Amino acid sequence: MITDALDRAWQAWAELGSDLDEAQWQRPTRLTGWTVKDVYAHHSGFPAATAAGMDAPEPSGPVTHADAAELLAFMQQPGGIADETADLLRDQATAQASAAPTSSLVAQFTEVAPKVIAALRTADLSRRVDYGGLAVVPAGEALRIFLMEAVVHYFDMATGLDRPVPGPLAGEPLRETVRLLADTADPIAFIDAATGRGTSQIFPIMH
């Protein structure tokens, strides 16, 4: 279940953040210009944002993207939203990392996230939610993207800290992330690339 996978991922973030010293927070990551604290700050708002999205009234408009892969492909198209907002997201993350003490960032996963997960376990994940003003999707599909973000960015930090991956995200968090990324790619191009056939350049699927 997506809620269980997201719970495990956010627990891993709580454990990692609780274990870092000041020098480790400032370590560079494989994302150019991003420290561990920058990456952590970038994802730290997801638990509260999830709660806000679930508490908000259901959008009146129809679903615009049927599943997470369709929405992710839309956002990741060349010249699309991901390209347009990349610098803004980095600047916001570095600004938040500079302004917020590490304790408040970690609290988003040690204190806020468990409450959000508890609420999700009884929520209707088929209900429509607004996705950042960009789309309307079923709640469970938004959670699939949030999980993917948690896994990918955990790996960004773990590699910068010389920690093993997938580490605590082995199992369903990792499998669900792989499924989403595979579903996002053009299926024929993905099969050809995965089997060494054809010349399609499908990677990176996201950035």
C-alpha atoms as a PDB file:
ATOM      1  CA  MET A   1       0.000   0.000   0.000  1.00  0.00           C
ATOM      2  CA  ILE A   2       1.304   3.434  -0.905  1.00  0.00           C
ATOM      3  CA  THR A   3       0.744   4.739   2.632  1.00  0.00           C
ATOM      4  CA  ASP A   4       2.956   2.018   4.112  1.00  0.00           C
ATOM      5  CA  ALA A   5       5.725   2.768   1.628  1.00  0.00           C
ATOM      6  CA  LEU A   6       5.532   6.498   2.283  1.00  0.00           C
ATOM      7  CA  ASP A   7       5.539   5.861   6.026  1.00  0.00           C
ATOM      8  CA  ARG A   8       8.745   3.847   5.716  1.00  0.00           C
ATOM      9  CA  ALA A   9      10.360   6.515   3.553  1.00  0.00           C
ATOM     10  CA  TRP A  10       9.533   9.348   5.921  1.00  0.00           C
ATOM     11  CA  GLN A  11      10.732   7.256   8.867  1.00  0.00           C
ATOM     12  CA  ALA A  12      14.050   6.931   7.043  1.00  0.00           C
ATOM     13  CA  TRP A  13      14.200  10.711   6.695  1.00  0.00           C
ATOM     14  CA  ALA A  14      13.494  11.078  10.411  1.00  0.00           C
ATOM     15  CA  GLU A  15      16.237   8.607  11.281  1.00  0.00           C
ATOM     16  CA  LEU A  16      18.763  10.206   8.950  1.00  0.00           C
ATOM     17  CA  GLY A  17      18.120  13.752  10.099  1.00  0.00           C
ATOM     18  CA  SER A  18      18.306  12.732  13.749  1.00  0.00           C
ATOM     19  CA  ASP A  19      21.711  11.162  13.166  1.00  0.00           C
ATOM     20  CA  LEU A  20      23.590  14.000  11.430  1.00  0.00           C
ATOM     21  CA  ASP A  21      26.113  16.390  12.944  1.00  0.00           C
ATOM     22  CA  GLU A  22      26.643  19.943  11.716  1.00  0.00           C
ATOM     23  CA  ALA A  23      29.480  19.007   9.372  1.00  0.00           C
ATOM     24  CA  GLN A  24      27.370  16.301   7.751  1.00  0.00           C
ATOM     25  CA  TRP A  25      24.485  18.702   7.178  1.00  0.00           C
ATOM     26  CA  GLN A  26      26.856  20.873   5.154  1.00  0.00           C
ATOM     27  CA  ARG A  27      28.236  18.067   2.986  1.00  0.00           C
ATOM     28  CA  PRO A  28      27.741  18.565  -0.771  1.00  0.00           C
ATOM     29  CA  THR A  29      25.461  16.177  -2.618  1.00  0.00           C
ATOM     30  CA  ARG A  30      25.479  14.903  -6.179  1.00  0.00           C
ATOM     31  CA  LEU A  31      23.077  17.759  -7.008  1.00  0.00           C
ATOM     32  CA  THR A  32      25.304  20.648  -8.042  1.00  0.00           C
ATOM     33  CA  GLY A  33      25.046  23.487  -5.556  1.00  0.00           C
ATOM     34  CA  TRP A  34      22.914  21.531  -3.065  1.00  0.00           C
ATOM     35  CA  THR A  35      24.126  20.549   0.402  1.00  0.00           C
ATOM     36  CA  VAL A  36      22.579  17.761   2.450  1.00  0.00           C
ATOM     37  CA  LYS A  37      20.665  20.389   4.411  1.00  0.00           C
ATOM     38  CA  ASP A  38      19.410  22.001   1.195  1.00  0.00           C
ATOM     39  CA  VAL A  39      18.008  18.679  -0.018  1.00  0.00           C
ATOM     40  CA  TYR A  40      16.511  17.922   3.377  1.00  0.00           C
ATOM     41  CA  ALA A  41      14.896  21.345   3.526  1.00  0.00           C
ATOM     42  CA  HIS A  42      13.475  20.910   0.014  1.00  0.00           C
ATOM     43  CA  HIS A  43      11.544  17.781   1.005  1.00  0.00           C
ATOM     44  CA  SER A  44      10.739  18.806   4.576  1.00  0.00           C
ATOM     45  CA  GLY A  45       7.524  20.549   3.594  1.00  0.00           C
ATOM     46  CA  PHE A  46       5.969  17.465   2.014  1.00  0.00           C
ATOM     47  CA  PRO A  47       4.309  16.019   5.152  1.00  0.00           C
ATOM     48  CA  ALA A  48       2.535  19.281   6.016  1.00  0.00           C
ATOM     49  CA  ALA A  49       1.640  19.873   2.366  1.00  0.00           C
ATOM     50  CA  THR A  50       0.157  16.386   2.190  1.00  0.00           C
ATOM     51  CA  ALA A  51      -2.029  17.114   5.201  1.00  0.00           C
ATOM     52  CA  ALA A  52      -3.134  20.445   3.751  1.00  0.00           C
ATOM     53  CA  GLY A  53      -4.038  18.843   0.443  1.00  0.00           C
ATOM     54  CA  MET A  54      -6.104  16.133   2.100  1.00  0.00           C
ATOM     55  CA  ASP A  55      -7.856  18.625   4.384  1.00  0.00           C
ATOM     56  CA  ALA A  56      -8.745  21.001   1.547  1.00  0.00           C
ATOM     57  CA  PRO A  57     -12.133  20.742  -0.171  1.00  0.00           C
ATOM     58  CA  GLU A  58     -12.152  18.385  -3.118  1.00  0.00           C
ATOM     59  CA  PRO A  59     -11.581  20.344  -6.349  1.00  0.00           C
ATOM     60  CA  SER A  60     -14.706  20.923  -8.385  1.00  0.00           C
ATOM     61  CA  GLY A  61     -12.962  20.219 -11.671  1.00  0.00           C
ATOM     62  CA  PRO A  62     -12.315  16.778 -13.137  1.00  0.00           C
ATOM     63  CA  VAL A  63      -9.110  14.777 -12.876  1.00  0.00           C
ATOM     64  CA  THR A  64      -6.588  16.216 -15.335  1.00  0.00           C
ATOM     65  CA  HIS A  65      -4.073  13.370 -15.137  1.00  0.00           C
ATOM     66  CA  ALA A  66      -5.282   9.855 -14.428  1.00  0.00           C
ATOM     67  CA  ASP A  67      -2.179   8.645 -12.663  1.00  0.00           C
ATOM     68  CA  ALA A  68       1.186   9.685 -11.275  1.00  0.00           C
ATOM     69  CA  ALA A  69       3.113   8.627 -14.367  1.00  0.00           C
ATOM     70  CA  GLU A  70       0.953  10.761 -16.648  1.00  0.00           C
ATOM     71  CA  LEU A  71       1.421  13.808 -14.409  1.00  0.00           C
ATOM     72  CA  LEU A  72       5.148  13.214 -14.015  1.00  0.00           C
ATOM     73  CA  ALA A  73       5.592  12.913 -17.785  1.00  0.00           C
ATOM     74  CA  PHE A  74       3.702  16.183 -18.223  1.00  0.00           C
ATOM     75  CA  MET A  75       5.884  17.997 -15.703  1.00  0.00           C
ATOM     76  CA  GLN A  76       9.132  16.544 -17.049  1.00  0.00           C
ATOM     77  CA  GLN A  77       8.613  17.282 -20.744  1.00  0.00           C
ATOM     78  CA  PRO A  78      11.403  19.409 -22.296  1.00  0.00           C
ATOM     79  CA  GLY A  79      10.842  23.069 -21.544  1.00  0.00           C
ATOM     80  CA  GLY A  80       8.048  22.163 -19.157  1.00  0.00           C
ATOM     81  CA  ILE A  81       7.355  22.851 -15.518  1.00  0.00           C
ATOM     82  CA  ALA A  82      10.377  20.965 -14.180  1.00  0.00           C
ATOM     83  CA  ASP A  83      12.733  22.958 -16.392  1.00  0.00           C
ATOM     84  CA  GLU A  84      11.007  26.244 -15.625  1.00  0.00           C
ATOM     85  CA  THR A  85      11.073  25.813 -11.849  1.00  0.00           C
ATOM     86  CA  ALA A  86      14.437  24.092 -11.299  1.00  0.00           C
ATOM     87  CA  ASP A  87      16.346  27.237 -10.333  1.00  0.00           C
ATOM     88  CA  LEU A  88      13.471  28.511  -8.203  1.00  0.00           C
ATOM     89  CA  LEU A  89      13.246  25.256  -6.261  1.00  0.00           C
ATOM     90  CA  ARG A  90      16.996  25.294  -5.606  1.00  0.00           C
ATOM     91  CA  ASP A  91      16.903  28.901  -4.431  1.00  0.00           C
ATOM     92  CA  GLN A  92      13.928  28.208  -2.171  1.00  0.00           C
ATOM     93  CA  ALA A  93      15.651  25.168  -0.686  1.00  0.00           C
ATOM     94  CA  THR A  94      18.902  26.980   0.030  1.00  0.00           C
ATOM     95  CA  ALA A  95      17.022  29.915   1.548  1.00  0.00           C
ATOM     96  CA  GLN A  96      15.000  27.628   3.797  1.00  0.00           C
ATOM     97  CA  ALA A  97      18.096  25.678   4.788  1.00  0.00           C
ATOM     98  CA  SER A  98      19.843  28.909   5.761  1.00  0.00           C
ATOM     99  CA  ALA A  99      16.890  30.179   7.783  1.00  0.00           C
ATOM    100  CA  ALA A 100      15.677  27.037   9.538  1.00  0.00           C
ATOM    101  CA  PRO A 101      17.458  25.197  12.349  1.00  0.00           C
ATOM    102  CA  THR A 102      18.014  21.539  11.612  1.00  0.00           C
ATOM    103  CA  SER A 103      15.787  20.607  14.547  1.00  0.00           C
ATOM    104  CA  SER A 104      12.749  22.185  12.896  1.00  0.00           C
ATOM    105  CA  LEU A 105      13.454  20.401   9.614  1.00  0.00           C
ATOM    106  CA  VAL A 106      13.811  17.035  11.319  1.00  0.00           C
ATOM    107  CA  ALA A 107      10.620  17.642  13.303  1.00  0.00           C
ATOM    108  CA  GLN A 108       8.675  17.561  10.044  1.00  0.00           C
ATOM    109  CA  PHE A 109       9.473  13.849   9.885  1.00  0.00           C
ATOM    110  CA  THR A 110       9.633  12.929  13.574  1.00  0.00           C
ATOM    111  CA  GLU A 111       6.500  14.838  14.639  1.00  0.00           C
ATOM    112  CA  VAL A 112       4.408  15.954  11.659  1.00  0.00           C
ATOM    113  CA  ALA A 113       4.810  12.963   9.335  1.00  0.00           C
ATOM    114  CA  PRO A 114       3.523  10.291  11.770  1.00  0.00           C
ATOM    115  CA  LYS A 115       0.297  12.259  12.259  1.00  0.00           C
ATOM    116  CA  VAL A 116      -0.119  12.661   8.513  1.00  0.00           C
ATOM    117  CA  ILE A 117       0.435   8.943   7.927  1.00  0.00           C
ATOM    118  CA  ALA A 118      -2.127   8.069  10.600  1.00  0.00           C
ATOM    119  CA  ALA A 119      -4.687  10.272   8.860  1.00  0.00           C
ATOM    120  CA  LEU A 120      -3.879   8.784   5.460  1.00  0.00           C
ATOM    121  CA  ARG A 121      -4.615   5.280   6.728  1.00  0.00           C
ATOM    122  CA  THR A 122      -8.298   6.142   7.074  1.00  0.00           C
ATOM    123  CA  ALA A 123      -8.530   8.596   4.175  1.00  0.00           C
ATOM    124  CA  ASP A 124     -10.169   8.040   0.810  1.00  0.00           C
ATOM    125  CA  LEU A 125      -7.167   8.002  -1.516  1.00  0.00           C
ATOM    126  CA  SER A 126      -9.412   7.989  -4.574  1.00  0.00           C
ATOM    127  CA  ARG A 127     -10.650  11.523  -3.834  1.00  0.00           C
ATOM    128  CA  ARG A 128      -9.439  14.312  -6.096  1.00  0.00           C
ATOM    129  CA  VAL A 129      -6.748  16.688  -4.822  1.00  0.00           C
ATOM    130  CA  ASP A 130      -5.153  19.783  -6.253  1.00  0.00           C
ATOM    131  CA  TYR A 131      -1.522  19.205  -7.186  1.00  0.00           C
ATOM    132  CA  GLY A 132       0.204  22.532  -6.626  1.00  0.00           C
ATOM    133  CA  GLY A 133      -2.239  24.401  -8.821  1.00  0.00           C
ATOM    134  CA  LEU A 134      -0.921  22.446 -11.805  1.00  0.00           C
ATOM    135  CA  ALA A 135      -3.270  19.501 -11.953  1.00  0.00           C
ATOM    136  CA  VAL A 136      -6.069  17.556 -10.318  1.00  0.00           C
ATOM    137  CA  VAL A 137      -5.238  13.941  -9.518  1.00  0.00           C
ATOM    138  CA  PRO A 138      -6.465  11.134  -7.260  1.00  0.00           C
ATOM    139  CA  ALA A 139      -4.856  11.513  -3.839  1.00  0.00           C
ATOM    140  CA  GLY A 140      -3.142   8.141  -4.006  1.00  0.00           C
ATOM    141  CA  GLU A 141      -1.432   9.115  -7.252  1.00  0.00           C
ATOM    142  CA  ALA A 142      -0.082  12.304  -5.676  1.00  0.00           C
ATOM    143  CA  LEU A 143       1.337  10.160  -2.877  1.00  0.00           C
ATOM    144  CA  ARG A 144       3.186   8.031  -5.441  1.00  0.00           C
ATOM    145  CA  ILE A 145       5.021  11.127  -6.618  1.00  0.00           C
ATOM    146  CA  PHE A 146       5.739  12.198  -3.036  1.00  0.00           C
ATOM    147  CA  LEU A 147       7.214   8.754  -2.366  1.00  0.00           C
ATOM    148  CA  MET A 148       9.379   8.933  -5.466  1.00  0.00           C
ATOM    149  CA  GLU A 149      10.633  12.349  -4.343  1.00  0.00           C
ATOM    150  CA  ALA A 150      11.431  10.941  -0.901  1.00  0.00           C
ATOM    151  CA  VAL A 151      13.389   8.005  -2.324  1.00  0.00           C
ATOM    152  CA  VAL A 152      15.354   9.922  -4.967  1.00  0.00           C
ATOM    153  CA  HIS A 153      16.299  12.743  -2.612  1.00  0.00           C
ATOM    154  CA  TYR A 154      17.198  10.312   0.178  1.00  0.00           C
ATOM    155  CA  PHE A 155      19.653   8.748  -2.256  1.00  0.00           C
ATOM    156  CA  ASP A 156      21.005  12.223  -3.077  1.00  0.00           C
ATOM    157  CA  MET A 157      21.814  12.745   0.589  1.00  0.00           C
ATOM    158  CA  ALA A 158      22.985   9.213   1.317  1.00  0.00           C
ATOM    159  CA  THR A 159      25.520   9.211  -1.508  1.00  0.00           C
ATOM    160  CA  GLY A 160      26.868  12.570  -0.322  1.00  0.00           C
ATOM    161  CA  LEU A 161      27.216  11.111   3.164  1.00  0.00           C
ATOM    162  CA  ASP A 162      28.837   7.875   1.957  1.00  0.00           C
ATOM    163  CA  ARG A 163      25.911   5.853   3.268  1.00  0.00           C
ATOM    164  CA  PRO A 164      24.602   2.742   1.518  1.00  0.00           C
ATOM    165  CA  VAL A 165      21.661   2.863  -0.834  1.00  0.00           C
ATOM    166  CA  PRO A 166      18.911   1.786  -0.913  1.00  0.00           C
ATOM    167  CA  GLY A 167      19.529   1.335   2.803  1.00  0.00           C
ATOM    168  CA  PRO A 168      16.241   1.623   4.732  1.00  0.00           C
ATOM    169  CA  LEU A 169      14.331   2.295   1.513  1.00  0.00           C
ATOM    170  CA  ALA A 170      14.826  -1.244   0.211  1.00  0.00           C
ATOM    171  CA  GLY A 171      11.602  -3.089  -0.423  1.00  0.00           C
ATOM    172  CA  GLU A 172       8.346  -1.387  -1.322  1.00  0.00           C
ATOM    173  CA  PRO A 173       9.597   2.249  -1.345  1.00  0.00           C
ATOM    174  CA  LEU A 174      12.274   1.301  -3.876  1.00  0.00           C
ATOM    175  CA  ARG A 175      10.015  -0.972  -5.929  1.00  0.00           C
ATOM    176  CA  GLU A 176       7.245   1.617  -6.151  1.00  0.00           C
ATOM    177  CA  THR A 177       9.731   4.285  -7.256  1.00  0.00           C
ATOM    178  CA  VAL A 178      11.104   2.023  -9.977  1.00  0.00           C
ATOM    179  CA  ARG A 179       7.563   1.242 -11.154  1.00  0.00           C
ATOM    180  CA  LEU A 180       6.640   4.910 -11.369  1.00  0.00           C
ATOM    181  CA  LEU A 181       9.745   5.871 -13.322  1.00  0.00           C
ATOM    182  CA  ALA A 182       9.280   2.935 -15.702  1.00  0.00           C
ATOM    183  CA  ASP A 183       5.615   3.850 -16.190  1.00  0.00           C
ATOM    184  CA  THR A 184       6.601   7.451 -16.966  1.00  0.00           C
ATOM    185  CA  ALA A 185       8.946   6.534 -19.812  1.00  0.00           C
ATOM    186  CA  ASP A 186       7.741   5.816 -23.333  1.00  0.00           C
ATOM    187  CA  PRO A 187       7.024   2.074 -23.036  1.00  0.00           C
ATOM    188  CA  ILE A 188       8.494   0.979 -26.365  1.00  0.00           C
ATOM    189  CA  ALA A 189      11.610   3.110 -25.942  1.00  0.00           C
ATOM    190  CA  PHE A 190      11.991   1.799 -22.395  1.00  0.00           C
ATOM    191  CA  ILE A 191      11.803  -1.836 -23.499  1.00  0.00           C
ATOM    192  CA  ASP A 192      14.304  -1.220 -26.295  1.00  0.00           C
ATOM    193  CA  ALA A 193      16.717   0.596 -23.979  1.00  0.00           C
ATOM    194  CA  ALA A 194      16.384  -1.978 -21.203  1.00  0.00           C
ATOM    195  CA  THR A 195      17.079  -4.854 -23.594  1.00  0.00           C
ATOM    196  CA  GLY A 196      19.883  -3.197 -25.540  1.00  0.00           C
ATOM    197  CA  ARG A 197      17.809  -2.725 -28.672  1.00  0.00           C
ATOM    198  CA  GLY A 198      17.295   0.440 -30.669  1.00  0.00           C
ATOM    199  CA  THR A 199      18.915   3.822 -30.202  1.00  0.00           C
ATOM    200  CA  SER A 200      16.242   5.710 -28.268  1.00  0.00           C
ATOM    201  CA  GLN A 201      17.655   8.007 -25.591  1.00  0.00           C
ATOM    202  CA  ILE A 202      15.068   7.843 -22.817  1.00  0.00           C
ATOM    203  CA  PHE A 203      17.239   8.772 -19.851  1.00  0.00           C
ATOM    204  CA  PRO A 204      17.008  10.733 -17.710  1.00  0.00           C
ATOM    205  CA  ILE A 205      13.292  10.120 -17.257  1.00  0.00           C
ATOM    206  CA  MET A 206      13.212  12.982 -14.778  1.00  0.00           C
ATOM    207  CA  HIS A 207      15.635  15.558 -13.464  1.00  0.00           C
END
